[in-house]
Amino acid sequence: MKNKTMQQLLAEAQVGKYAVGAFNVHTMEVAQAIASAAEAEKSPVILQINQGTIQYAGVEYIAAIAKTAQALATVPVIVHLDHGTTYEVMAQCIRHGFDSVMIDASKLPLDENIAMVRKVVELAHAAGVAVEAELGKVGGVEDDIVVSEEEAGLTDPAEAERFVEATGVDSLAVAIGTAHGVYSGEPHLDFERLAKIRQRVSIPLVLHGASGVPDKAVQEAIALGICKVNISTELKQPFAATLRGIAADKPEEIDPRKLLGPTRDAMAEVVRAKMHICGCAGKA
């Protein structure tokens, strides 16, 4: 079945003990790379768009690109807002056909985070849209969202249980030692904390900042209950490297298609590899 909700996709992953890869879309080429990889691997996939990309491209343009990739696909494709921070952005994305939204109110005190998420859940569920939220603070930089090392805090299992019951959220992003952006050293994930969260929380769990995390660590997190794995930086890297290589080898080239086109294959290769790591290849 091609058309599935985010809830259905992640429920199947939870039962099957695999995770669905969620890849951030910044341009048409990125969307095409992700979609082609999903087709090749017969994998469900999540196309994520964050606030920075909406500000850069305009929600109309970027939503149309993602929704076109979804419409042309023969595998399940979900269009998801990643790290939205305001009620207005939630409403904007729901109006433009997003299947799922993430409200990130993790910088707020717990009670205020709960209140904000509950408000978004009421709005989104009325429109048939899924909601992801975050508890704890994943460090690093995600476009315009910056969480310093001092601010980063791991998810408390007891708070996670209370949060899920109070909000009615569909999936929960947990902070267990990952970070957004490029790691300065090898990340060390708190698997014991993740196991405790899983014991207390029944909904699908999400791993943010998975770019650069060793494959075995990602797979162990999936075995402990992670159902959605977010990848952004590891697509930016081959995009930039390929583009720089072409510009260096062919400094006379001025055709944007010839400069940007080859980046698709480089990114698709990474996406396909990640689908195998997550275990979602062949699960469409």
C-alpha atoms as a PDB file:
ATOM      1  CA  MET A   1       0.000   0.000   0.000  1.00  0.00           C
ATOM      2  CA  LYS A   2       1.547   3.272  -1.142  1.00  0.00           C
ATOM      3  CA  ASN A   3      -0.499   5.818   0.797  1.00  0.00           C
ATOM      4  CA  LYS A   4       0.145   5.464   4.512  1.00  0.00           C
ATOM      5  CA  THR A   5       0.086   7.841   7.425  1.00  0.00           C
ATOM      6  CA  MET A   6       3.151   8.531   9.533  1.00  0.00           C
ATOM      7  CA  GLN A   7       1.448   6.653  12.366  1.00  0.00           C
ATOM      8  CA  GLN A   8       1.004   3.550  10.179  1.00  0.00           C
ATOM      9  CA  LEU A   9       4.562   3.728   8.864  1.00  0.00           C
ATOM     10  CA  LEU A  10       6.138   3.977  12.316  1.00  0.00           C
ATOM     11  CA  ALA A  11       3.787   1.394  13.843  1.00  0.00           C
ATOM     12  CA  GLU A  12       4.915  -1.097  11.209  1.00  0.00           C
ATOM     13  CA  ALA A  13       8.544  -0.223  11.939  1.00  0.00           C
ATOM     14  CA  GLN A  14       7.964  -0.692  15.651  1.00  0.00           C
ATOM     15  CA  VAL A  15       6.461  -4.144  15.156  1.00  0.00           C
ATOM     16  CA  GLY A  16       9.111  -5.099  12.589  1.00  0.00           C
ATOM     17  CA  LYS A  17      11.980  -3.796  14.768  1.00  0.00           C
ATOM     18  CA  TYR A  18      13.432  -1.526  12.084  1.00  0.00           C
ATOM     19  CA  ALA A  19      13.477   2.247  11.610  1.00  0.00           C
ATOM     20  CA  VAL A  20      12.314   4.419   8.719  1.00  0.00           C
ATOM     21  CA  GLY A  21      14.978   6.781   7.385  1.00  0.00           C
ATOM     22  CA  ALA A  22      14.018  10.462   7.542  1.00  0.00           C
ATOM     23  CA  PHE A  23      16.126  12.659   5.254  1.00  0.00           C
ATOM     24  CA  ASN A  24      16.185  16.442   5.145  1.00  0.00           C
ATOM     25  CA  VAL A  25      15.259  18.046   1.831  1.00  0.00           C
ATOM     26  CA  HIS A  26      16.871  21.371   0.881  1.00  0.00           C
ATOM     27  CA  THR A  27      16.562  21.443  -2.933  1.00  0.00           C
ATOM     28  CA  MET A  28      14.885  19.603  -5.804  1.00  0.00           C
ATOM     29  CA  GLU A  29      18.023  17.509  -6.331  1.00  0.00           C
ATOM     30  CA  VAL A  30      17.987  16.316  -2.727  1.00  0.00           C
ATOM     31  CA  ALA A  31      14.315  15.296  -2.979  1.00  0.00           C
ATOM     32  CA  GLN A  32      14.984  13.414  -6.224  1.00  0.00           C
ATOM     33  CA  ALA A  33      17.980  11.627  -4.720  1.00  0.00           C
ATOM     34  CA  ILE A  34      16.002  10.463  -1.699  1.00  0.00           C
ATOM     35  CA  ALA A  35      13.007   9.387  -3.770  1.00  0.00           C
ATOM     36  CA  SER A  36      15.124   7.466  -6.292  1.00  0.00           C
ATOM     37  CA  ALA A  37      16.940   5.665  -3.471  1.00  0.00           C
ATOM     38  CA  ALA A  38      13.622   4.675  -1.897  1.00  0.00           C
ATOM     39  CA  GLU A  39      12.398   3.278  -5.210  1.00  0.00           C
ATOM     40  CA  ALA A  40      15.633   1.362  -5.779  1.00  0.00           C
ATOM     41  CA  GLU A  41      15.562  -0.126  -2.275  1.00  0.00           C
ATOM     42  CA  LYS A  42      11.781  -0.623  -2.170  1.00  0.00           C
ATOM     43  CA  SER A  43      11.796   1.289   1.082  1.00  0.00           C
ATOM     44  CA  PRO A  44       9.345   3.601   2.813  1.00  0.00           C
ATOM     45  CA  VAL A  45      10.895   7.014   3.375  1.00  0.00           C
ATOM     46  CA  ILE A  46      10.290  10.322   5.134  1.00  0.00           C
ATOM     47  CA  LEU A  47      11.078  13.601   3.364  1.00  0.00           C
ATOM     48  CA  GLN A  48      11.812  16.162   6.074  1.00  0.00           C
ATOM     49  CA  ILE A  49      11.707  19.929   5.630  1.00  0.00           C
ATOM     50  CA  ASN A  50      12.903  22.231   8.395  1.00  0.00           C
ATOM     51  CA  GLN A  51      12.165  25.878   9.124  1.00  0.00           C
ATOM     52  CA  GLY A  52      15.433  27.072   7.642  1.00  0.00           C
ATOM     53  CA  THR A  53      14.599  25.498   4.298  1.00  0.00           C
ATOM     54  CA  ILE A  54      11.083  26.942   4.400  1.00  0.00           C
ATOM     55  CA  GLN A  55      12.595  30.388   4.975  1.00  0.00           C
ATOM     56  CA  TYR A  56      15.121  29.825   2.179  1.00  0.00           C
ATOM     57  CA  ALA A  57      12.836  28.400  -0.520  1.00  0.00           C
ATOM     58  CA  GLY A  58       9.356  29.429   0.588  1.00  0.00           C
ATOM     59  CA  VAL A  59       6.879  26.847   1.840  1.00  0.00           C
ATOM     60  CA  GLU A  60       5.016  26.831  -1.496  1.00  0.00           C
ATOM     61  CA  TYR A  61       8.103  25.848  -3.498  1.00  0.00           C
ATOM     62  CA  ILE A  62       9.597  23.287  -1.124  1.00  0.00           C
ATOM     63  CA  ALA A  63       6.251  21.678  -0.265  1.00  0.00           C
ATOM     64  CA  ALA A  64       5.436  21.348  -3.973  1.00  0.00           C
ATOM     65  CA  ILE A  65       8.793  19.641  -4.618  1.00  0.00           C
ATOM     66  CA  ALA A  66       8.274  17.164  -1.761  1.00  0.00           C
ATOM     67  CA  LYS A  67       4.625  16.503  -2.616  1.00  0.00           C
ATOM     68  CA  THR A  68       5.585  15.911  -6.267  1.00  0.00           C
ATOM     69  CA  ALA A  69       8.178  13.333  -5.193  1.00  0.00           C
ATOM     70  CA  GLN A  70       5.495  11.715  -3.057  1.00  0.00           C
ATOM     71  CA  ALA A  71       2.931  11.665  -5.877  1.00  0.00           C
ATOM     72  CA  LEU A  72       5.350  10.070  -8.344  1.00  0.00           C
ATOM     73  CA  ALA A  73       6.582   7.406  -5.917  1.00  0.00           C
ATOM     74  CA  THR A  74       5.455   3.785  -5.895  1.00  0.00           C
ATOM     75  CA  VAL A  75       6.634   3.382  -2.286  1.00  0.00           C
ATOM     76  CA  PRO A  76       5.252   5.061   0.858  1.00  0.00           C
ATOM     77  CA  VAL A  77       6.557   8.627   1.193  1.00  0.00           C
ATOM     78  CA  ILE A  78       5.750  10.933   4.107  1.00  0.00           C
ATOM     79  CA  VAL A  79       6.263  14.719   3.964  1.00  0.00           C
ATOM     80  CA  HIS A  80       7.253  15.909   7.434  1.00  0.00           C
ATOM     81  CA  LEU A  81       8.124  19.226   9.101  1.00  0.00           C
ATOM     82  CA  ASP A  82      11.339  18.879  11.085  1.00  0.00           C
ATOM     83  CA  HIS A  83      11.947  21.121  14.127  1.00  0.00           C
ATOM     84  CA  GLY A  84       9.096  23.573  13.803  1.00  0.00           C
ATOM     85  CA  THR A  85       9.094  25.972  16.733  1.00  0.00           C
ATOM     86  CA  THR A  86       5.853  27.967  16.462  1.00  0.00           C
ATOM     87  CA  TYR A  87       2.145  27.254  16.196  1.00  0.00           C
ATOM     88  CA  GLU A  88       2.049  29.450  13.088  1.00  0.00           C
ATOM     89  CA  VAL A  89       4.603  27.270  11.270  1.00  0.00           C
ATOM     90  CA  MET A  90       2.564  24.178  12.192  1.00  0.00           C
ATOM     91  CA  ALA A  91      -0.581  25.693  10.693  1.00  0.00           C
ATOM     92  CA  GLN A  92       1.296  26.849   7.590  1.00  0.00           C
ATOM     93  CA  CYS A  93       2.684  23.383   6.900  1.00  0.00           C
ATOM     94  CA  ILE A  94      -0.628  21.651   7.540  1.00  0.00           C
ATOM     95  CA  ARG A  95      -2.272  24.023   5.050  1.00  0.00           C
ATOM     96  CA  HIS A  96       0.356  23.094   2.458  1.00  0.00           C
ATOM     97  CA  GLY A  97      -0.256  19.371   2.689  1.00  0.00           C
ATOM     98  CA  PHE A  98       2.380  18.083   5.118  1.00  0.00           C
ATOM     99  CA  ASP A  99       1.487  14.637   6.466  1.00  0.00           C
ATOM    100  CA  SER A 100       3.303  15.126   9.754  1.00  0.00           C
ATOM    101  CA  VAL A 101       4.767  17.975  11.790  1.00  0.00           C
ATOM    102  CA  MET A 102       7.336  18.177  14.551  1.00  0.00           C
ATOM    103  CA  ILE A 103       6.804  20.778  17.230  1.00  0.00           C
ATOM    104  CA  ASP A 104      10.086  21.410  19.011  1.00  0.00           C
ATOM    105  CA  ALA A 105       9.302  23.184  22.283  1.00  0.00           C
ATOM    106  CA  SER A 106      12.123  21.396  24.098  1.00  0.00           C
ATOM    107  CA  LYS A 107      13.739  24.668  25.200  1.00  0.00           C
ATOM    108  CA  LEU A 108      10.670  25.441  27.305  1.00  0.00           C
ATOM    109  CA  PRO A 109      10.123  24.185  30.861  1.00  0.00           C
ATOM    110  CA  LEU A 110       8.340  20.822  30.941  1.00  0.00           C
ATOM    111  CA  ASP A 111       4.830  22.143  31.674  1.00  0.00           C
ATOM    112  CA  GLU A 112       5.085  24.780  28.940  1.00  0.00           C
ATOM    113  CA  ASN A 113       6.427  22.202  26.478  1.00  0.00           C
ATOM    114  CA  ILE A 114       3.453  19.954  27.287  1.00  0.00           C
ATOM    115  CA  ALA A 115       0.975  22.833  26.827  1.00  0.00           C
ATOM    116  CA  MET A 116       2.453  23.828  23.461  1.00  0.00           C
ATOM    117  CA  VAL A 117       2.539  20.253  22.167  1.00  0.00           C
ATOM    118  CA  ARG A 118      -1.028  19.564  23.296  1.00  0.00           C
ATOM    119  CA  LYS A 119      -2.197  22.645  21.390  1.00  0.00           C
ATOM    120  CA  VAL A 120      -0.409  21.481  18.222  1.00  0.00           C
ATOM    121  CA  VAL A 121      -1.766  17.935  18.612  1.00  0.00           C
ATOM    122  CA  GLU A 122      -5.328  19.296  18.723  1.00  0.00           C
ATOM    123  CA  LEU A 123      -4.751  21.297  15.539  1.00  0.00           C
ATOM    124  CA  ALA A 124      -2.905  18.596  13.633  1.00  0.00           C
ATOM    125  CA  HIS A 125      -5.088  15.632  14.566  1.00  0.00           C
ATOM    126  CA  ALA A 126      -8.177  17.571  13.490  1.00  0.00           C
ATOM    127  CA  ALA A 127      -6.561  17.723  10.025  1.00  0.00           C
ATOM    128  CA  GLY A 128      -5.394  14.091  10.058  1.00  0.00           C
ATOM    129  CA  VAL A 129      -1.755  15.095  10.514  1.00  0.00           C
ATOM    130  CA  ALA A 130       0.694  13.292  12.821  1.00  0.00           C
ATOM    131  CA  VAL A 131       2.762  15.071  15.467  1.00  0.00           C
ATOM    132  CA  GLU A 132       6.304  14.460  16.688  1.00  0.00           C
ATOM    133  CA  ALA A 133       7.695  16.294  19.703  1.00  0.00           C
ATOM    134  CA  GLU A 134      11.019  16.416  21.533  1.00  0.00           C
ATOM    135  CA  LEU A 135      11.800  15.979  25.199  1.00  0.00           C
ATOM    136  CA  GLY A 136      15.295  16.722  26.393  1.00  0.00           C
ATOM    137  CA  LYS A 137      17.554  18.842  24.198  1.00  0.00           C
ATOM    138  CA  VAL A 138      19.606  17.396  21.343  1.00  0.00           C
ATOM    139  CA  GLY A 139      22.725  19.552  21.117  1.00  0.00           C
ATOM    140  CA  GLY A 140      24.306  21.133  18.060  1.00  0.00           C
ATOM    141  CA  VAL A 141      23.019  23.287  15.226  1.00  0.00           C
ATOM    142  CA  GLU A 142      19.973  22.626  13.036  1.00  0.00           C
ATOM    143  CA  ASP A 143      19.790  25.683  10.767  1.00  0.00           C
ATOM    144  CA  ASP A 144      18.365  28.423  13.014  1.00  0.00           C
ATOM    145  CA  ILE A 145      18.052  26.195  16.104  1.00  0.00           C
ATOM    146  CA  VAL A 146      21.190  26.204  18.257  1.00  0.00           C
ATOM    147  CA  VAL A 147      21.558  24.160  21.446  1.00  0.00           C
ATOM    148  CA  SER A 148      24.890  24.627  23.218  1.00  0.00           C
ATOM    149  CA  GLU A 149      26.733  21.825  24.991  1.00  0.00           C
ATOM    150  CA  GLU A 150      25.743  23.397  28.300  1.00  0.00           C
ATOM    151  CA  GLU A 151      22.062  23.540  27.327  1.00  0.00           C
ATOM    152  CA  ALA A 152      21.888  20.011  25.919  1.00  0.00           C
ATOM    153  CA  GLY A 153      20.091  17.690  28.324  1.00  0.00           C
ATOM    154  CA  LEU A 154      19.216  14.006  28.134  1.00  0.00           C
ATOM    155  CA  THR A 155      15.611  12.812  28.236  1.00  0.00           C
ATOM    156  CA  ASP A 156      14.347  11.748  31.650  1.00  0.00           C
ATOM    157  CA  PRO A 157      12.380   8.450  31.353  1.00  0.00           C
ATOM    158  CA  ALA A 158       9.780   9.408  33.982  1.00  0.00           C
ATOM    159  CA  GLU A 159       9.232  12.803  32.360  1.00  0.00           C
ATOM    160  CA  ALA A 160       8.891  11.071  28.978  1.00  0.00           C
ATOM    161  CA  GLU A 161       6.055   8.915  30.312  1.00  0.00           C
ATOM    162  CA  ARG A 162       4.251  11.925  31.729  1.00  0.00           C
ATOM    163  CA  PHE A 163       4.858  13.968  28.566  1.00  0.00           C
ATOM    164  CA  VAL A 164       3.403  11.334  26.213  1.00  0.00           C
ATOM    165  CA  GLU A 165       0.328  10.758  28.387  1.00  0.00           C
ATOM    166  CA  ALA A 166      -0.327  14.490  28.774  1.00  0.00           C
ATOM    167  CA  THR A 167       0.106  15.506  25.124  1.00  0.00           C
ATOM    168  CA  GLY A 168      -1.248  12.620  23.001  1.00  0.00           C
ATOM    169  CA  VAL A 169       1.766  13.048  20.690  1.00  0.00           C
ATOM    170  CA  ASP A 170       2.322  10.339  18.041  1.00  0.00           C
ATOM    171  CA  SER A 171       6.123   9.987  18.274  1.00  0.00           C
ATOM    172  CA  LEU A 172       8.817  11.233  20.600  1.00  0.00           C
ATOM    173  CA  ALA A 173      12.313  12.468  19.758  1.00  0.00           C
ATOM    174  CA  VAL A 174      14.638  11.583  22.618  1.00  0.00           C
ATOM    175  CA  ALA A 175      17.983  13.048  23.640  1.00  0.00           C
ATOM    176  CA  ILE A 176      20.370  10.170  24.409  1.00  0.00           C
ATOM    177  CA  GLY A 177      23.724  11.669  23.434  1.00  0.00           C
ATOM    178  CA  THR A 178      23.424  12.546  19.742  1.00  0.00           C
ATOM    179  CA  ALA A 179      23.877  16.044  18.315  1.00  0.00           C
ATOM    180  CA  HIS A 180      22.949  17.952  15.175  1.00  0.00           C
ATOM    181  CA  GLY A 181      25.687  18.812  12.699  1.00  0.00           C
ATOM    182  CA  VAL A 182      29.234  17.428  12.494  1.00  0.00           C
ATOM    183  CA  TYR A 183      30.631  15.602  15.533  1.00  0.00           C
ATOM    184  CA  SER A 184      34.041  16.647  16.851  1.00  0.00           C
ATOM    185  CA  GLY A 185      34.587  13.117  18.203  1.00  0.00           C
ATOM    186  CA  GLU A 186      32.726   9.803  18.240  1.00  0.00           C
ATOM    187  CA  PRO A 187      29.320  10.171  19.918  1.00  0.00           C
ATOM    188  CA  HIS A 188      28.473   7.897  22.828  1.00  0.00           C
ATOM    189  CA  LEU A 189      24.798   7.022  23.100  1.00  0.00           C
ATOM    190  CA  ASP A 190      23.137   6.304  26.449  1.00  0.00           C
ATOM    191  CA  PHE A 191      21.513   2.973  25.601  1.00  0.00           C
ATOM    192  CA  GLU A 192      20.536   2.278  29.207  1.00  0.00           C
ATOM    193  CA  ARG A 193      18.533   5.522  29.237  1.00  0.00           C
ATOM    194  CA  LEU A 194      16.903   4.609  25.917  1.00  0.00           C
ATOM    195  CA  ALA A 195      15.889   1.188  27.271  1.00  0.00           C
ATOM    196  CA  LYS A 196      14.305   2.834  30.330  1.00  0.00           C
ATOM    197  CA  ILE A 197      12.375   5.276  28.107  1.00  0.00           C
ATOM    198  CA  ARG A 198      11.166   2.382  25.972  1.00  0.00           C
ATOM    199  CA  GLN A 199       9.892   0.573  29.085  1.00  0.00           C
ATOM    200  CA  ARG A 200       7.803   3.598  30.045  1.00  0.00           C
ATOM    201  CA  VAL A 201       6.705   4.877  26.618  1.00  0.00           C
ATOM    202  CA  SER A 202       4.800   2.813  24.052  1.00  0.00           C
ATOM    203  CA  ILE A 203       4.773   5.229  21.090  1.00  0.00           C
ATOM    204  CA  PRO A 204       7.513   5.231  18.387  1.00  0.00           C
ATOM    205  CA  LEU A 205      10.789   6.879  19.403  1.00  0.00           C
ATOM    206  CA  VAL A 206      12.902   9.092  17.118  1.00  0.00           C
ATOM    207  CA  LEU A 207      16.683   9.516  16.918  1.00  0.00           C
ATOM    208  CA  HIS A 208      17.818  12.996  15.867  1.00  0.00           C
ATOM    209  CA  GLY A 209      21.393  13.872  14.936  1.00  0.00           C
ATOM    210  CA  ALA A 210      22.140  10.414  13.513  1.00  0.00           C
ATOM    211  CA  SER A 211      24.596  11.675  10.868  1.00  0.00           C
ATOM    212  CA  GLY A 212      28.048  10.524  11.936  1.00  0.00           C
ATOM    213  CA  VAL A 213      26.823   8.039  14.537  1.00  0.00           C
ATOM    214  CA  PRO A 214      28.523   4.635  13.989  1.00  0.00           C
ATOM    215  CA  ASP A 215      26.302   2.138  12.159  1.00  0.00           C
ATOM    216  CA  LYS A 216      26.385  -0.373  15.015  1.00  0.00           C
ATOM    217  CA  ALA A 217      25.256   2.297  17.476  1.00  0.00           C
ATOM    218  CA  VAL A 218      22.330   3.268  15.221  1.00  0.00           C
ATOM    219  CA  GLN A 219      21.322  -0.386  14.929  1.00  0.00           C
ATOM    220  CA  GLU A 220      21.543  -0.905  18.685  1.00  0.00           C
ATOM    221  CA  ALA A 221      19.307   2.141  19.187  1.00  0.00           C
ATOM    222  CA  ILE A 222      16.807   0.656  16.719  1.00  0.00           C
ATOM    223  CA  ALA A 223      16.863  -2.659  18.599  1.00  0.00           C
ATOM    224  CA  LEU A 224      15.986  -0.696  21.763  1.00  0.00           C
ATOM    225  CA  GLY A 225      12.966   1.018  20.201  1.00  0.00           C
ATOM    226  CA  ILE A 226      14.024   3.782  17.781  1.00  0.00           C
ATOM    227  CA  CYS A 227      11.593   3.729  14.822  1.00  0.00           C
ATOM    228  CA  LYS A 228      12.658   6.868  12.907  1.00  0.00           C
ATOM    229  CA  VAL A 229      16.249   7.934  12.221  1.00  0.00           C
ATOM    230  CA  ASN A 230      16.993  11.504  11.084  1.00  0.00           C
ATOM    231  CA  ILE A 231      19.772  12.184   8.561  1.00  0.00           C
ATOM    232  CA  SER A 232      20.734  15.639   7.286  1.00  0.00           C
ATOM    233  CA  THR A 233      24.458  16.384   7.534  1.00  0.00           C
ATOM    234  CA  GLU A 234      25.461  13.149   5.784  1.00  0.00           C
ATOM    235  CA  LEU A 235      23.547  14.270   2.684  1.00  0.00           C
ATOM    236  CA  LYS A 236      24.998  17.769   2.726  1.00  0.00           C
ATOM    237  CA  GLN A 237      28.537  16.376   2.727  1.00  0.00           C
ATOM    238  CA  PRO A 238      28.378  14.381  -0.569  1.00  0.00           C
ATOM    239  CA  PHE A 239      26.335  17.190  -2.153  1.00  0.00           C
ATOM    240  CA  ALA A 240      29.037  19.745  -1.334  1.00  0.00           C
ATOM    241  CA  ALA A 241      31.962  17.442  -2.148  1.00  0.00           C
ATOM    242  CA  THR A 242      30.538  16.509  -5.556  1.00  0.00           C
ATOM    243  CA  LEU A 243      29.716  20.101  -6.430  1.00  0.00           C
ATOM    244  CA  ARG A 244      33.190  21.297  -5.426  1.00  0.00           C
ATOM    245  CA  GLY A 245      34.786  18.492  -7.424  1.00  0.00           C
ATOM    246  CA  ILE A 246      32.911  19.396 -10.600  1.00  0.00           C
ATOM    247  CA  ALA A 247      33.692  23.093 -10.149  1.00  0.00           C
ATOM    248  CA  ALA A 248      37.390  22.292  -9.703  1.00  0.00           C
ATOM    249  CA  ASP A 249      37.600  19.824 -12.616  1.00  0.00           C
ATOM    250  CA  LYS A 250      35.512  21.910 -14.997  1.00  0.00           C
ATOM    251  CA  PRO A 251      35.945  25.570 -14.037  1.00  0.00           C
ATOM    252  CA  GLU A 252      34.477  26.623 -17.379  1.00  0.00           C
ATOM    253  CA  GLU A 253      31.145  24.846 -16.709  1.00  0.00           C
ATOM    254  CA  ILE A 254      28.260  27.271 -16.230  1.00  0.00           C
ATOM    255  CA  ASP A 255      25.207  25.020 -16.750  1.00  0.00           C
ATOM    256  CA  PRO A 256      23.452  24.595 -13.350  1.00  0.00           C
ATOM    257  CA  ARG A 257      22.106  21.213 -14.479  1.00  0.00           C
ATOM    258  CA  LYS A 258      25.578  19.872 -15.144  1.00  0.00           C
ATOM    259  CA  LEU A 259      26.847  21.260 -11.868  1.00  0.00           C
ATOM    260  CA  LEU A 260      23.983  20.053  -9.702  1.00  0.00           C
ATOM    261  CA  GLY A 261      22.850  16.901 -11.520  1.00  0.00           C
ATOM    262  CA  PRO A 262      25.721  14.634 -10.421  1.00  0.00           C
ATOM    263  CA  THR A 263      25.077  15.467  -6.767  1.00  0.00           C
ATOM    264  CA  ARG A 264      21.904  13.371  -6.961  1.00  0.00           C
ATOM    265  CA  ASP A 265      23.771  10.096  -7.502  1.00  0.00           C
ATOM    266  CA  ALA A 266      26.198  10.873  -4.671  1.00  0.00           C
ATOM    267  CA  MET A 267      23.372  11.575  -2.227  1.00  0.00           C
ATOM    268  CA  ALA A 268      21.264   8.624  -3.388  1.00  0.00           C
ATOM    269  CA  GLU A 269      24.161   6.281  -2.648  1.00  0.00           C
ATOM    270  CA  VAL A 270      24.259   7.512   0.960  1.00  0.00           C
ATOM    271  CA  VAL A 271      20.481   7.216   1.334  1.00  0.00           C
ATOM    272  CA  ARG A 272      20.502   3.640   0.052  1.00  0.00           C
ATOM    273  CA  ALA A 273      23.235   2.689   2.513  1.00  0.00           C
ATOM    274  CA  LYS A 274      21.320   4.285   5.401  1.00  0.00           C
ATOM    275  CA  MET A 275      18.160   2.372   4.466  1.00  0.00           C
ATOM    276  CA  HIS A 276      20.051  -0.887   4.888  1.00  0.00           C
ATOM    277  CA  ILE A 277      21.470   0.252   8.228  1.00  0.00           C
ATOM    278  CA  CYS A 278      17.987   1.190   9.417  1.00  0.00           C
ATOM    279  CA  GLY A 279      16.510  -2.058   8.128  1.00  0.00           C
ATOM    280  CA  CYS A 280      13.769  -0.350   6.096  1.00  0.00           C
ATOM    281  CA  ALA A 281      15.101  -1.491   2.699  1.00  0.00           C
ATOM    282  CA  GLY A 282      12.574  -3.898   1.200  1.00  0.00           C
ATOM    283  CA  LYS A 283       9.836  -2.866   3.630  1.00  0.00           C
ATOM    284  CA  ALA A 284       7.733  -0.769   1.211  1.00  0.00           C
END
